[in-house]
C-alpha cells in the first residue's frame, strides 16, 4: 500500500490534467463542427 500512494500521486495528476484538456478540446471541436455545418447557409444569405 505504501508503494501505491506515490504511484497515484505521480500518475494521477497527469491523468486529471489530460482528461480536463480533452474535455476542453471536445467542446471547442463541437463549436467548430456547428460553424462548419452552418457555413453554407451563411454564405447564401
C-alpha atoms as a PDB file:
ATOM      1  CA  UNK A   1       0.000   0.000   0.000  1.00  0.00           C
ATOM      2  CA  UNK A   2       2.840   2.404   0.768  1.00  0.00           C
ATOM      3  CA  UNK A   3       4.293   1.913  -2.720  1.00  0.00           C
ATOM      4  CA  UNK A   4       0.903   2.553  -4.326  1.00  0.00           C
ATOM      5  CA  UNK A   5       0.460   6.061  -2.896  1.00  0.00           C
ATOM      6  CA  UNK A   6       3.490   7.634  -4.645  1.00  0.00           C
ATOM      7  CA  UNK A   7       2.461   5.985  -7.896  1.00  0.00           C
ATOM      8  CA  UNK A   8      -1.016   7.501  -7.667  1.00  0.00           C
ATOM      9  CA  UNK A   9       0.390  10.932  -6.863  1.00  0.00           C
ATOM     10  CA  UNK A  10       2.842  10.755  -9.769  1.00  0.00           C
ATOM     11  CA  UNK A  11       0.446   9.334 -12.343  1.00  0.00           C
ATOM     12  CA  UNK A  12      -2.867  10.693 -11.067  1.00  0.00           C
ATOM     13  CA  UNK A  13      -2.117  14.373 -11.630  1.00  0.00           C
ATOM     14  CA  UNK A  14      -1.146  13.987 -15.316  1.00  0.00           C
ATOM     15  CA  UNK A  15      -4.233  11.863 -15.901  1.00  0.00           C
ATOM     16  CA  UNK A  16      -6.513  14.524 -14.389  1.00  0.00           C
ATOM     17  CA  UNK A  17      -4.855  17.266 -16.435  1.00  0.00           C
ATOM     18  CA  UNK A  18      -5.166  15.202 -19.609  1.00  0.00           C
ATOM     19  CA  UNK A  19      -8.854  14.499 -19.042  1.00  0.00           C
ATOM     20  CA  UNK A  20      -9.515  18.187 -18.367  1.00  0.00           C
ATOM     21  CA  UNK A  21      -7.737  19.263 -21.554  1.00  0.00           C
ATOM     22  CA  UNK A  22      -9.532  16.618 -23.618  1.00  0.00           C
ATOM     23  CA  UNK A  23     -12.854  17.883 -22.283  1.00  0.00           C
ATOM     24  CA  UNK A  24     -11.994  21.460 -23.288  1.00  0.00           C
ATOM     25  CA  UNK A  25     -10.858  20.388 -26.751  1.00  0.00           C
ATOM     26  CA  UNK A  26     -14.068  18.395 -27.236  1.00  0.00           C
ATOM     27  CA  UNK A  27     -16.207  21.470 -26.517  1.00  0.00           C
ATOM     28  CA  UNK A  28     -14.207  23.582 -28.933  1.00  0.00           C
ATOM     29  CA  UNK A  29     -14.448  20.907 -31.633  1.00  0.00           C
ATOM     30  CA  UNK A  30     -18.218  20.848 -31.222  1.00  0.00           C
ATOM     31  CA  UNK A  31     -18.273  24.608 -31.831  1.00  0.00           C
ATOM     32  CA  UNK A  32     -16.150  24.177 -34.952  1.00  0.00           C
ATOM     33  CA  UNK A  33     -18.452  21.430 -36.272  1.00  0.00           C
ATOM     34  CA  UNK A  34     -21.518  23.616 -35.742  1.00  0.00           C
ATOM     35  CA  UNK A  35     -19.812  26.521 -37.506  1.00  0.00           C
ATOM     36  CA  UNK A  36     -18.877  24.351 -40.473  1.00  0.00           C
ATOM     37  CA  UNK A  37     -22.409  22.979 -40.752  1.00  0.00           C
ATOM     38  CA  UNK A  38     -23.963  26.474 -40.729  1.00  0.00           C
ATOM     39  CA  UNK A  39     -21.415  27.973 -43.118  1.00  0.00           C
ATOM     40  CA  UNK A  40     -23.292  27.233 -46.382  1.00  0.00           C
ATOM     41  CA  UNK A  41     -26.445  28.922 -45.044  1.00  0.00           C
ATOM     42  CA  UNK A  42     -24.452  31.993 -44.036  1.00  0.00           C
ATOM     43  CA  UNK A  43     -22.741  32.157 -47.432  1.00  0.00           C
ATOM     44  CA  UNK A  44     -26.105  32.051 -49.268  1.00  0.00           C
ATOM     45  CA  UNK A  45     -27.620  34.959 -47.311  1.00  0.00           C
END
